[in-house]
N, C-alpha and C. Protein backbone atom coordinates (compact mmCIF):
# COMPACT_ATOMS: atom_id res chain seq x y z
N MET A 1 117.53 116.74 118.95
CA MET A 1 116.42 117.70 119.01
C MET A 1 115.33 117.19 119.92
N GLN A 2 114.55 118.07 120.48
CA GLN A 2 113.49 117.71 121.41
C GLN A 2 112.28 117.29 120.63
N LEU A 3 111.74 116.12 121.01
CA LEU A 3 110.50 115.63 120.38
C LEU A 3 109.32 116.41 120.95
N PRO A 4 108.34 116.70 120.06
CA PRO A 4 107.12 117.32 120.57
C PRO A 4 106.24 116.27 121.24
N ALA A 5 105.08 116.67 121.63
CA ALA A 5 104.12 115.69 122.22
C ALA A 5 103.89 114.56 121.26
N LYS A 6 103.66 113.36 121.80
CA LYS A 6 103.52 112.15 120.97
C LYS A 6 102.49 112.28 119.85
N GLU A 7 101.42 113.02 120.11
CA GLU A 7 100.37 113.11 119.10
C GLU A 7 100.79 113.89 117.87
N ALA A 8 101.95 114.59 117.96
CA ALA A 8 102.47 115.38 116.85
C ALA A 8 103.56 114.64 116.08
N VAL A 9 103.77 113.37 116.48
CA VAL A 9 104.91 112.58 115.92
C VAL A 9 104.35 111.35 115.13
N ALA A 10 104.94 111.12 113.95
CA ALA A 10 104.64 109.94 113.13
C ALA A 10 105.94 109.22 112.85
N SER A 11 105.85 107.89 112.66
CA SER A 11 107.00 107.06 112.30
C SER A 11 106.72 106.43 110.96
N VAL A 12 107.70 106.45 110.12
CA VAL A 12 107.55 105.90 108.73
C VAL A 12 108.54 104.79 108.46
N ASP A 13 108.04 103.63 108.10
CA ASP A 13 108.87 102.48 107.69
C ASP A 13 108.90 102.48 106.16
N VAL A 14 110.02 102.86 105.59
CA VAL A 14 110.13 102.96 104.13
C VAL A 14 110.63 101.65 103.53
N ASP A 15 109.80 100.95 102.80
CA ASP A 15 110.21 99.78 101.98
C ASP A 15 111.09 98.76 102.76
N ALA A 16 110.66 98.46 104.00
CA ALA A 16 111.44 97.49 104.82
C ALA A 16 111.04 96.08 104.42
N GLN A 17 111.42 95.70 103.17
CA GLN A 17 111.01 94.49 102.56
C GLN A 17 112.22 93.55 102.34
N TYR A 18 111.97 92.27 102.24
CA TYR A 18 113.04 91.31 102.01
C TYR A 18 113.78 91.48 100.68
N THR A 19 113.10 92.13 99.73
CA THR A 19 113.76 92.37 98.43
C THR A 19 115.06 93.13 98.60
N PHE A 20 115.13 93.97 99.64
CA PHE A 20 116.31 94.84 99.87
C PHE A 20 117.20 94.24 100.99
N THR A 21 117.22 92.89 101.10
CA THR A 21 118.04 92.24 102.07
C THR A 21 118.81 91.06 101.49
N PRO A 22 119.85 90.54 102.15
CA PRO A 22 120.56 89.41 101.64
C PRO A 22 119.72 88.14 101.50
N VAL A 23 118.52 88.12 102.14
CA VAL A 23 117.61 87.01 102.04
C VAL A 23 117.25 86.80 100.55
N CYS A 24 117.13 87.88 99.80
CA CYS A 24 116.78 87.84 98.39
C CYS A 24 118.02 88.30 97.60
N SER A 25 119.03 87.49 97.58
CA SER A 25 120.29 87.87 97.05
C SER A 25 120.31 88.15 95.55
N ASN A 26 119.31 87.64 94.81
CA ASN A 26 119.21 87.92 93.40
C ASN A 26 118.37 89.10 93.02
N GLU A 27 117.89 89.84 94.06
CA GLU A 27 117.12 91.04 93.77
C GLU A 27 117.95 92.31 94.02
N LEU A 28 117.73 92.99 95.11
CA LEU A 28 118.53 94.24 95.40
C LEU A 28 118.97 94.16 96.82
N PRO A 29 119.81 93.20 97.17
CA PRO A 29 120.22 93.00 98.54
C PRO A 29 121.06 94.19 99.13
N VAL A 30 120.66 94.61 100.30
CA VAL A 30 121.38 95.63 101.03
C VAL A 30 121.98 95.00 102.29
N MET A 31 123.26 95.07 102.52
CA MET A 31 123.90 94.42 103.63
C MET A 31 123.28 94.92 104.97
N GLY A 32 122.83 93.98 105.75
CA GLY A 32 122.21 94.29 107.01
C GLY A 32 120.77 94.75 106.93
N GLY A 33 120.19 94.71 105.76
CA GLY A 33 118.85 95.17 105.57
C GLY A 33 117.80 94.39 106.34
N ASP A 34 118.14 93.12 106.63
CA ASP A 34 117.18 92.28 107.33
C ASP A 34 117.27 92.39 108.85
N THR A 35 118.11 93.34 109.33
CA THR A 35 118.31 93.49 110.80
C THR A 35 117.60 94.68 111.40
N ILE A 36 116.90 95.45 110.61
CA ILE A 36 116.41 96.76 111.12
C ILE A 36 115.03 96.70 111.74
N GLY A 37 114.36 95.58 111.64
CA GLY A 37 112.97 95.48 112.15
C GLY A 37 112.83 95.91 113.60
N PRO A 38 113.59 95.41 114.53
CA PRO A 38 113.45 95.78 115.91
C PRO A 38 113.61 97.27 116.17
N GLU A 39 114.54 97.86 115.40
CA GLU A 39 114.78 99.31 115.59
C GLU A 39 113.63 100.10 115.03
N LEU A 40 113.00 99.67 113.95
CA LEU A 40 111.83 100.32 113.45
C LEU A 40 110.67 100.28 114.47
N ASN A 41 110.54 99.11 115.09
CA ASN A 41 109.54 98.96 116.10
C ASN A 41 109.83 99.88 117.30
N ALA A 42 111.10 100.03 117.65
CA ALA A 42 111.49 100.87 118.79
C ALA A 42 111.14 102.34 118.54
N GLN A 43 111.42 102.82 117.32
CA GLN A 43 111.17 104.25 117.05
C GLN A 43 109.64 104.50 117.00
N ALA A 44 108.90 103.50 116.53
CA ALA A 44 107.44 103.67 116.43
C ALA A 44 106.80 103.91 117.82
N GLN A 45 107.45 103.51 118.87
CA GLN A 45 106.91 103.67 120.23
C GLN A 45 106.83 105.13 120.62
N PHE A 46 107.56 106.01 119.93
CA PHE A 46 107.58 107.41 120.24
C PHE A 46 106.58 108.21 119.35
N ALA A 47 105.85 107.50 118.52
CA ALA A 47 104.95 108.15 117.57
C ALA A 47 103.47 107.75 117.81
N ALA A 48 102.58 108.68 117.51
CA ALA A 48 101.15 108.39 117.63
C ALA A 48 100.63 107.64 116.39
N TYR A 49 101.36 107.82 115.25
CA TYR A 49 100.96 107.23 114.02
C TYR A 49 102.10 106.46 113.35
N ARG A 50 101.79 105.30 112.79
CA ARG A 50 102.83 104.54 112.12
C ARG A 50 102.39 104.38 110.69
N LEU A 51 103.31 104.80 109.78
CA LEU A 51 103.03 104.66 108.32
C LEU A 51 104.07 103.73 107.70
N GLY A 52 103.76 103.20 106.55
CA GLY A 52 104.67 102.35 105.90
C GLY A 52 104.49 102.40 104.35
N SER A 53 105.52 101.83 103.71
CA SER A 53 105.41 101.74 102.24
C SER A 53 106.09 100.46 101.77
N LYS A 54 105.70 100.02 100.58
CA LYS A 54 106.22 98.85 99.99
C LYS A 54 106.39 99.08 98.48
N ASP A 55 107.47 98.62 97.88
CA ASP A 55 107.56 98.47 96.44
C ASP A 55 106.65 97.33 96.03
N ALA A 56 105.92 97.49 94.94
CA ALA A 56 105.03 96.44 94.41
C ALA A 56 105.17 96.48 92.91
N HIS A 57 106.08 95.66 92.37
CA HIS A 57 106.43 95.78 90.95
C HIS A 57 106.09 94.60 90.12
N SER A 58 105.69 94.84 88.89
CA SER A 58 105.46 93.79 87.95
C SER A 58 106.78 93.23 87.47
N PRO A 59 106.88 91.88 87.26
CA PRO A 59 108.10 91.34 86.70
C PRO A 59 108.26 91.71 85.23
N HIS A 60 107.24 92.31 84.67
CA HIS A 60 107.28 92.73 83.24
C HIS A 60 107.32 94.23 83.10
N ALA A 61 107.70 94.95 84.19
CA ALA A 61 107.80 96.40 84.16
C ALA A 61 108.75 96.85 83.05
N LEU A 62 108.50 97.99 82.47
CA LEU A 62 109.27 98.47 81.36
C LEU A 62 110.71 98.86 81.75
N TRP A 63 110.98 99.00 83.03
CA TRP A 63 112.26 99.39 83.50
C TRP A 63 113.14 98.22 83.92
N VAL A 64 112.62 96.99 83.76
CA VAL A 64 113.36 95.83 84.17
C VAL A 64 114.58 95.62 83.32
N SER A 65 115.72 95.37 83.95
CA SER A 65 116.98 95.23 83.23
C SER A 65 117.08 93.87 82.56
N SER A 66 118.01 93.78 81.62
CA SER A 66 118.25 92.54 80.84
C SER A 66 119.73 92.55 80.47
N PRO A 67 120.21 91.43 79.88
CA PRO A 67 121.61 91.44 79.40
C PRO A 67 121.88 92.53 78.36
N GLN A 68 120.84 92.86 77.57
CA GLN A 68 120.99 93.89 76.56
C GLN A 68 120.87 95.32 77.17
N ALA A 69 120.16 95.42 78.28
CA ALA A 69 119.92 96.69 78.89
C ALA A 69 120.23 96.52 80.43
N PRO A 70 121.47 96.66 80.83
CA PRO A 70 121.88 96.32 82.17
C PRO A 70 121.32 97.31 83.24
N PRO A 71 121.37 96.82 84.50
CA PRO A 71 120.91 97.69 85.60
C PRO A 71 121.66 99.06 85.60
N PHE A 72 120.90 100.09 85.95
CA PHE A 72 121.39 101.46 86.03
C PHE A 72 121.55 102.16 84.67
N SER A 73 121.28 101.41 83.58
CA SER A 73 121.26 102.12 82.28
C SER A 73 120.00 102.90 82.18
N LYS A 74 120.01 103.97 81.39
CA LYS A 74 118.87 104.86 81.33
C LYS A 74 117.73 104.18 80.55
N VAL A 75 116.52 104.59 80.96
CA VAL A 75 115.34 104.08 80.27
C VAL A 75 114.43 105.29 80.04
N SER A 76 113.84 105.38 78.84
CA SER A 76 112.97 106.54 78.54
C SER A 76 111.58 106.37 79.09
N GLY A 77 111.05 107.44 79.56
CA GLY A 77 109.69 107.37 80.14
C GLY A 77 109.57 108.49 81.13
N THR A 78 108.33 109.01 81.31
CA THR A 78 108.14 110.11 82.21
C THR A 78 108.37 109.75 83.62
N ASN A 79 108.02 108.56 84.05
CA ASN A 79 108.12 108.12 85.44
C ASN A 79 109.06 106.94 85.65
N MET A 80 110.05 106.85 84.79
CA MET A 80 111.12 105.88 84.96
C MET A 80 112.41 106.63 84.64
N ASP A 81 113.50 106.26 85.32
CA ASP A 81 114.79 106.93 84.97
C ASP A 81 115.86 105.96 84.57
N ILE A 82 116.02 104.91 85.38
CA ILE A 82 117.06 103.91 85.08
C ILE A 82 116.47 102.52 85.22
N ARG A 83 117.19 101.53 84.72
CA ARG A 83 116.74 100.15 84.83
C ARG A 83 117.22 99.51 86.15
N TRP A 84 116.37 98.52 86.59
CA TRP A 84 116.64 97.79 87.80
C TRP A 84 116.38 96.31 87.61
N PRO A 85 117.04 95.45 88.35
CA PRO A 85 116.64 94.02 88.29
C PRO A 85 115.21 93.80 88.80
N ILE A 86 114.56 92.76 88.42
CA ILE A 86 113.25 92.44 88.91
C ILE A 86 113.34 92.36 90.44
N HIS A 87 112.41 93.03 91.10
CA HIS A 87 112.37 92.95 92.57
C HIS A 87 110.98 93.33 93.11
N ALA A 88 110.74 92.90 94.34
CA ALA A 88 109.48 93.25 95.05
C ALA A 88 108.22 92.88 94.26
N VAL A 89 108.22 91.68 93.67
CA VAL A 89 107.06 91.21 92.93
C VAL A 89 106.02 90.64 93.91
N PRO A 90 104.74 91.16 93.90
CA PRO A 90 103.76 90.64 94.78
C PRO A 90 103.70 89.07 94.66
N GLY A 91 103.59 88.45 95.85
CA GLY A 91 103.52 87.00 95.90
C GLY A 91 104.83 86.33 96.12
N THR A 92 105.90 87.11 96.11
CA THR A 92 107.25 86.54 96.32
C THR A 92 107.75 86.91 97.71
N LYS A 93 108.77 86.26 98.15
CA LYS A 93 109.40 86.59 99.44
C LYS A 93 109.90 88.02 99.46
N GLY A 94 110.44 88.50 98.40
CA GLY A 94 110.96 89.85 98.32
C GLY A 94 109.92 90.90 98.56
N PHE A 95 108.68 90.63 98.25
CA PHE A 95 107.56 91.55 98.46
C PHE A 95 107.24 91.74 99.91
N GLU A 96 107.53 90.73 100.73
CA GLU A 96 107.11 90.74 102.12
C GLU A 96 107.84 91.75 102.97
N LEU A 97 107.14 92.31 103.93
CA LEU A 97 107.83 93.12 104.97
C LEU A 97 108.65 92.23 105.89
N LEU A 98 109.65 92.81 106.54
CA LEU A 98 110.43 92.04 107.50
C LEU A 98 109.51 91.40 108.54
N THR A 99 109.88 90.25 109.00
CA THR A 99 109.03 89.45 109.88
C THR A 99 108.59 90.21 111.14
N GLU A 100 109.50 91.06 111.67
CA GLU A 100 109.19 91.73 112.92
C GLU A 100 108.17 92.84 112.80
N LEU A 101 107.84 93.26 111.56
CA LEU A 101 106.97 94.43 111.38
C LEU A 101 105.53 94.03 111.32
N PRO A 102 104.61 95.02 111.54
CA PRO A 102 103.20 94.71 111.46
C PRO A 102 102.77 94.33 110.04
N HIS A 103 101.61 93.72 109.92
CA HIS A 103 100.99 93.50 108.58
C HIS A 103 100.61 94.89 108.03
N PRO A 104 100.68 95.07 106.71
CA PRO A 104 100.33 96.38 106.13
C PRO A 104 98.98 96.89 106.62
N ALA A 105 98.02 96.04 106.85
CA ALA A 105 96.68 96.46 107.29
C ALA A 105 96.70 96.97 108.73
N ASP A 106 97.74 96.72 109.45
CA ASP A 106 97.83 97.15 110.86
C ASP A 106 98.54 98.49 110.99
N TYR A 107 99.04 99.02 109.93
CA TYR A 107 99.62 100.39 109.98
C TYR A 107 98.47 101.38 109.94
N ASP A 108 98.76 102.60 110.40
CA ASP A 108 97.75 103.66 110.35
C ASP A 108 97.51 104.13 108.89
N PHE A 109 98.58 104.03 108.06
CA PHE A 109 98.50 104.46 106.73
C PHE A 109 99.60 103.69 105.94
N PHE A 110 99.24 103.17 104.76
CA PHE A 110 100.22 102.35 104.07
C PHE A 110 100.13 102.63 102.55
N VAL A 111 101.29 102.59 101.94
CA VAL A 111 101.40 102.94 100.48
C VAL A 111 102.10 101.80 99.74
N TRP A 112 101.54 101.47 98.55
CA TRP A 112 102.22 100.55 97.62
C TRP A 112 102.75 101.38 96.44
N LYS A 113 104.02 101.22 96.16
CA LYS A 113 104.69 102.05 95.19
C LYS A 113 105.06 101.27 93.89
N GLY A 114 104.91 101.96 92.75
CA GLY A 114 105.39 101.34 91.50
C GLY A 114 104.55 100.21 91.01
N VAL A 115 103.26 100.26 91.25
CA VAL A 115 102.38 99.18 90.76
C VAL A 115 102.28 99.19 89.24
N GLU A 116 102.18 100.35 88.68
CA GLU A 116 102.09 100.46 87.22
C GLU A 116 103.41 100.07 86.56
N PRO A 117 103.37 99.36 85.44
CA PRO A 117 104.60 98.85 84.82
C PRO A 117 105.49 99.91 84.25
N ASP A 118 104.97 101.14 84.07
CA ASP A 118 105.77 102.20 83.48
C ASP A 118 106.08 103.28 84.53
N MET A 119 106.01 102.94 85.81
CA MET A 119 106.27 103.90 86.86
C MET A 119 107.25 103.29 87.88
N HIS A 120 108.32 103.99 88.25
CA HIS A 120 109.22 103.52 89.30
C HIS A 120 109.61 104.66 90.22
N PRO A 121 108.73 104.98 91.15
CA PRO A 121 109.00 106.07 92.06
C PRO A 121 109.99 105.58 93.17
N TYR A 122 110.60 106.53 93.85
CA TYR A 122 111.52 106.24 94.94
C TYR A 122 110.91 106.65 96.29
N GLY A 123 110.57 107.94 96.40
CA GLY A 123 109.93 108.45 97.60
C GLY A 123 108.55 107.89 97.84
N ALA A 124 108.17 107.77 99.10
CA ALA A 124 106.85 107.23 99.43
C ALA A 124 105.71 108.22 99.34
N CYS A 125 106.04 109.45 99.13
CA CYS A 125 104.98 110.52 99.15
C CYS A 125 104.33 110.82 97.81
N TYR A 126 104.95 110.35 96.73
CA TYR A 126 104.43 110.59 95.38
C TYR A 126 104.56 109.37 94.51
N HIS A 127 103.60 109.13 93.65
CA HIS A 127 103.61 108.01 92.71
C HIS A 127 104.49 108.28 91.49
N ASP A 128 104.65 109.58 91.20
CA ASP A 128 105.44 109.93 89.97
C ASP A 128 106.70 110.71 90.33
N LEU A 129 107.64 110.64 89.42
CA LEU A 129 108.95 111.29 89.64
C LEU A 129 108.84 112.79 89.68
N ALA A 130 107.84 113.39 89.00
CA ALA A 130 107.67 114.83 89.01
C ALA A 130 106.98 115.32 90.28
N GLU A 131 106.55 114.38 91.09
CA GLU A 131 105.93 114.70 92.40
C GLU A 131 104.65 115.55 92.26
N ARG A 132 103.77 115.06 91.36
CA ARG A 132 102.45 115.69 91.21
C ARG A 132 101.34 114.80 91.67
N GLN A 133 101.59 113.47 91.70
CA GLN A 133 100.56 112.48 92.06
C GLN A 133 100.81 111.99 93.47
N SER A 134 100.13 112.61 94.45
CA SER A 134 100.38 112.29 95.81
C SER A 134 99.89 110.87 96.21
N THR A 135 100.65 110.21 97.09
CA THR A 135 100.17 108.95 97.64
C THR A 135 99.24 109.15 98.82
N GLY A 136 99.15 110.37 99.31
CA GLY A 136 98.30 110.66 100.44
C GLY A 136 99.02 110.82 101.77
N ILE A 137 100.29 110.43 101.80
CA ILE A 137 101.01 110.48 103.07
C ILE A 137 101.08 111.91 103.66
N ILE A 138 101.44 112.86 102.80
CA ILE A 138 101.59 114.23 103.29
C ILE A 138 100.26 114.76 103.76
N GLU A 139 99.18 114.51 103.04
CA GLU A 139 97.86 115.00 103.41
C GLU A 139 97.41 114.30 104.74
N TYR A 140 97.70 113.03 104.87
CA TYR A 140 97.35 112.33 106.08
C TYR A 140 98.07 112.93 107.28
N LEU A 141 99.35 113.17 107.19
CA LEU A 141 100.11 113.76 108.27
C LEU A 141 99.62 115.17 108.63
N GLN A 142 99.27 115.94 107.58
CA GLN A 142 98.78 117.28 107.83
C GLN A 142 97.40 117.23 108.58
N ALA A 143 96.55 116.30 108.14
CA ALA A 143 95.24 116.12 108.75
C ALA A 143 95.34 115.76 110.20
N LYS A 144 96.39 115.00 110.53
CA LYS A 144 96.57 114.58 111.90
C LYS A 144 97.42 115.62 112.72
N HIS A 145 97.73 116.72 112.10
CA HIS A 145 98.51 117.76 112.77
C HIS A 145 99.88 117.30 113.24
N VAL A 146 100.46 116.35 112.48
CA VAL A 146 101.81 115.87 112.77
C VAL A 146 102.83 116.95 112.34
N THR A 147 103.84 117.16 113.19
CA THR A 147 104.92 118.13 112.86
C THR A 147 106.27 117.46 112.67
N THR A 148 106.44 116.26 113.25
CA THR A 148 107.74 115.61 113.27
C THR A 148 107.61 114.16 112.80
N VAL A 149 108.49 113.73 111.91
CA VAL A 149 108.43 112.40 111.35
C VAL A 149 109.78 111.67 111.56
N LEU A 150 109.68 110.48 112.14
CA LEU A 150 110.80 109.59 112.34
C LEU A 150 110.86 108.63 111.15
N ILE A 151 112.02 108.50 110.58
CA ILE A 151 112.15 107.70 109.35
C ILE A 151 113.25 106.63 109.50
N GLY A 152 112.87 105.41 109.02
CA GLY A 152 113.83 104.37 108.85
C GLY A 152 113.42 103.57 107.65
N GLY A 153 114.21 102.56 107.26
CA GLY A 153 113.80 101.71 106.14
C GLY A 153 114.96 101.49 105.16
N LEU A 154 114.57 101.13 103.93
CA LEU A 154 115.57 100.76 102.92
C LEU A 154 115.32 101.38 101.59
N ALA A 155 116.30 101.82 100.94
CA ALA A 155 117.68 101.96 101.45
C ALA A 155 117.96 103.42 101.70
N THR A 156 118.94 103.67 102.53
CA THR A 156 119.25 105.06 102.95
C THR A 156 119.47 105.98 101.79
N ASP A 157 120.22 105.52 100.77
CA ASP A 157 120.67 106.35 99.67
C ASP A 157 119.67 106.43 98.51
N TYR A 158 118.52 105.75 98.65
CA TYR A 158 117.52 105.83 97.58
C TYR A 158 116.18 106.20 98.13
N CYS A 159 115.36 105.23 98.49
CA CYS A 159 113.95 105.51 98.88
C CYS A 159 113.81 106.25 100.20
N VAL A 160 114.72 105.96 101.17
CA VAL A 160 114.69 106.71 102.41
C VAL A 160 115.06 108.18 102.14
N ARG A 161 116.10 108.37 101.36
CA ARG A 161 116.57 109.71 101.01
C ARG A 161 115.42 110.53 100.33
N HIS A 162 114.78 109.96 99.31
CA HIS A 162 113.74 110.64 98.61
C HIS A 162 112.55 110.92 99.45
N THR A 163 112.18 109.97 100.29
CA THR A 163 110.97 110.17 101.16
C THR A 163 111.26 111.27 102.13
N ALA A 164 112.45 111.31 102.76
CA ALA A 164 112.81 112.32 103.69
C ALA A 164 112.84 113.68 103.08
N LEU A 165 113.34 113.81 101.91
CA LEU A 165 113.41 115.11 101.19
C LEU A 165 112.02 115.61 100.83
N GLN A 166 111.16 114.67 100.44
CA GLN A 166 109.74 115.07 100.15
C GLN A 166 109.06 115.66 101.37
N LEU A 167 109.31 114.99 102.49
CA LEU A 167 108.66 115.43 103.75
C LEU A 167 109.25 116.76 104.21
N LEU A 168 110.54 116.93 104.05
CA LEU A 168 111.18 118.22 104.42
C LEU A 168 110.63 119.35 103.58
N ARG A 169 110.48 119.09 102.30
CA ARG A 169 109.96 120.12 101.41
C ARG A 169 108.50 120.48 101.73
N SER A 170 107.86 119.56 102.38
CA SER A 170 106.44 119.78 102.77
C SER A 170 106.31 120.39 104.16
N GLY A 171 107.47 120.75 104.74
CA GLY A 171 107.43 121.48 106.01
C GLY A 171 107.52 120.68 107.29
N PHE A 172 107.69 119.35 107.17
CA PHE A 172 107.82 118.55 108.38
C PHE A 172 109.27 118.54 108.93
N LYS A 173 109.39 118.45 110.22
CA LYS A 173 110.70 118.14 110.80
C LYS A 173 110.94 116.67 110.65
N VAL A 174 112.13 116.33 110.21
CA VAL A 174 112.45 114.93 109.87
C VAL A 174 113.63 114.46 110.70
N ILE A 175 113.46 113.30 111.30
CA ILE A 175 114.58 112.65 112.07
C ILE A 175 114.88 111.31 111.42
N ILE A 176 116.11 111.10 111.01
CA ILE A 176 116.56 109.84 110.38
C ILE A 176 117.20 108.96 111.46
N ASN A 177 116.67 107.84 111.72
CA ASN A 177 117.22 106.87 112.69
C ASN A 177 118.19 105.98 111.97
N LEU A 178 119.48 106.20 112.20
CA LEU A 178 120.56 105.49 111.46
C LEU A 178 120.51 104.02 111.76
N ALA A 179 120.09 103.60 112.99
CA ALA A 179 120.06 102.21 113.31
C ALA A 179 118.93 101.49 112.61
N ALA A 180 117.99 102.25 112.08
CA ALA A 180 116.82 101.68 111.45
C ALA A 180 116.84 101.72 109.92
N THR A 181 118.03 102.00 109.34
CA THR A 181 118.17 102.10 107.92
C THR A 181 119.53 101.55 107.50
N ARG A 182 119.64 101.12 106.29
CA ARG A 182 120.92 100.63 105.72
C ARG A 182 121.00 101.17 104.28
N GLY A 183 122.24 101.43 103.84
CA GLY A 183 122.45 101.97 102.53
C GLY A 183 123.03 100.94 101.58
N VAL A 184 122.86 101.21 100.29
CA VAL A 184 123.38 100.35 99.22
C VAL A 184 124.93 100.40 99.19
N ALA A 185 125.43 101.59 99.18
CA ALA A 185 126.92 101.77 99.07
C ALA A 185 127.37 102.82 100.09
N GLU A 186 128.56 102.66 100.59
CA GLU A 186 129.07 103.56 101.59
C GLU A 186 129.16 105.02 101.14
N GLU A 187 129.66 105.20 99.92
CA GLU A 187 129.86 106.58 99.40
C GLU A 187 128.51 107.28 99.16
N SER A 188 127.59 106.57 98.48
CA SER A 188 126.31 107.20 98.18
C SER A 188 125.48 107.42 99.43
N THR A 189 125.68 106.55 100.41
CA THR A 189 124.95 106.73 101.69
C THR A 189 125.46 107.94 102.43
N ALA A 190 126.75 108.11 102.49
CA ALA A 190 127.37 109.27 103.16
C ALA A 190 126.89 110.54 102.45
N HIS A 191 126.85 110.55 101.15
CA HIS A 191 126.42 111.70 100.37
C HIS A 191 124.97 112.00 100.65
N ALA A 192 124.13 110.94 100.73
CA ALA A 192 122.70 111.15 100.98
C ALA A 192 122.48 111.73 102.35
N LEU A 193 123.21 111.29 103.38
CA LEU A 193 123.03 111.75 104.73
C LEU A 193 123.50 113.22 104.84
N GLN A 194 124.57 113.57 104.13
CA GLN A 194 125.02 114.93 104.14
C GLN A 194 123.96 115.84 103.46
N GLU A 195 123.42 115.37 102.37
CA GLU A 195 122.35 116.14 101.66
C GLU A 195 121.15 116.34 102.58
N LEU A 196 120.76 115.29 103.29
CA LEU A 196 119.59 115.36 104.15
C LEU A 196 119.81 116.34 105.34
N GLN A 197 121.02 116.33 105.86
CA GLN A 197 121.36 117.26 106.98
C GLN A 197 121.31 118.69 106.44
N GLN A 198 121.86 118.89 105.30
CA GLN A 198 121.86 120.22 104.69
C GLN A 198 120.41 120.72 104.46
N ALA A 199 119.52 119.76 104.19
CA ALA A 199 118.13 120.12 103.87
C ALA A 199 117.33 120.29 105.19
N GLY A 200 117.95 119.99 106.31
CA GLY A 200 117.29 120.24 107.59
C GLY A 200 116.95 119.03 108.40
N ALA A 201 117.28 117.83 107.89
CA ALA A 201 117.00 116.60 108.69
C ALA A 201 117.95 116.47 109.85
N HIS A 202 117.45 115.85 110.90
CA HIS A 202 118.30 115.55 112.08
C HIS A 202 118.60 114.01 112.06
N LEU A 203 119.86 113.68 112.38
CA LEU A 203 120.26 112.28 112.41
C LEU A 203 120.45 111.82 113.85
N ILE A 204 119.95 110.65 114.15
CA ILE A 204 120.15 110.05 115.47
C ILE A 204 120.76 108.70 115.27
N ALA A 205 121.50 108.19 116.27
CA ALA A 205 122.16 106.89 116.18
C ALA A 205 121.20 105.77 116.28
N ASN A 206 120.20 105.94 117.19
CA ASN A 206 119.21 104.88 117.43
C ASN A 206 118.04 105.45 118.14
N ALA A 207 117.02 104.62 118.38
CA ALA A 207 115.79 105.06 119.06
C ALA A 207 116.04 105.41 120.51
N ALA A 208 117.03 104.81 121.09
CA ALA A 208 117.37 105.10 122.50
C ALA A 208 117.69 106.59 122.69
N GLU A 209 118.22 107.20 121.66
CA GLU A 209 118.46 108.67 121.69
C GLU A 209 117.18 109.44 121.86
N LEU A 210 116.13 108.97 121.35
CA LEU A 210 114.81 109.62 121.49
C LEU A 210 114.37 109.62 122.91
N GLN A 211 114.61 108.47 123.56
CA GLN A 211 114.24 108.34 124.98
C GLN A 211 115.07 109.28 125.85
N GLN A 212 116.38 109.37 125.52
CA GLN A 212 117.24 110.26 126.30
C GLN A 212 116.80 111.73 126.10
N THR A 213 116.43 112.05 124.85
CA THR A 213 115.97 113.44 124.61
C THR A 213 114.71 113.73 125.36
N LYS A 214 113.82 112.75 125.39
CA LYS A 214 112.50 112.91 126.08
C LYS A 214 112.78 113.07 127.61
N GLU A 215 113.64 112.24 128.14
CA GLU A 215 113.95 112.31 129.57
C GLU A 215 114.67 113.63 129.98
N ALA A 216 115.48 114.14 129.05
CA ALA A 216 116.21 115.36 129.32
C ALA A 216 115.32 116.57 129.37
N HIS A 217 114.11 116.45 128.86
CA HIS A 217 113.20 117.59 128.86
C HIS A 217 111.93 117.26 129.66
């Protein structure tokens, strides 16, 4: 697809943290998750605004799994759905963004997700699962008159998927950069990408495709 003028484009780095990489093998490692930094930087060159998000979880969150309540088992609560291992705890390596990325303060807009112990959101646009408590991303993009959003981050089949769907439902054109994201599992990633395409998202192999599109027009 043709990119609009740069001032109408934003780039979003979704949860590109070490918690979702093999560097933190006891958290939620995604194969290749630690390799996407350069590609996230490459896609950001095509955008006037760069946004980011981070999981920021308490080690005592109510959704934390245990031997008695294993990962992916259901947990009751308005803003929790299933249990997860402890991950993305502030002050740990897993909380940190990939080395190649800017400091959170250097982004144009940044969101911390899941700070409350009884909340575990996936998408970066809302704090709650019912999508009533905005993080401000959608309003920020609207205020800047952004029409197109480039998305990468971790993981394709969870937080990237939810964030992209939230933006699509809000009327933005969404481009998923496959080189800038990695999925947890092959089957769920394929399903997520199919769902995103059906919802109107465009998939590109890498940021170089954006350059080719720009040059072609």
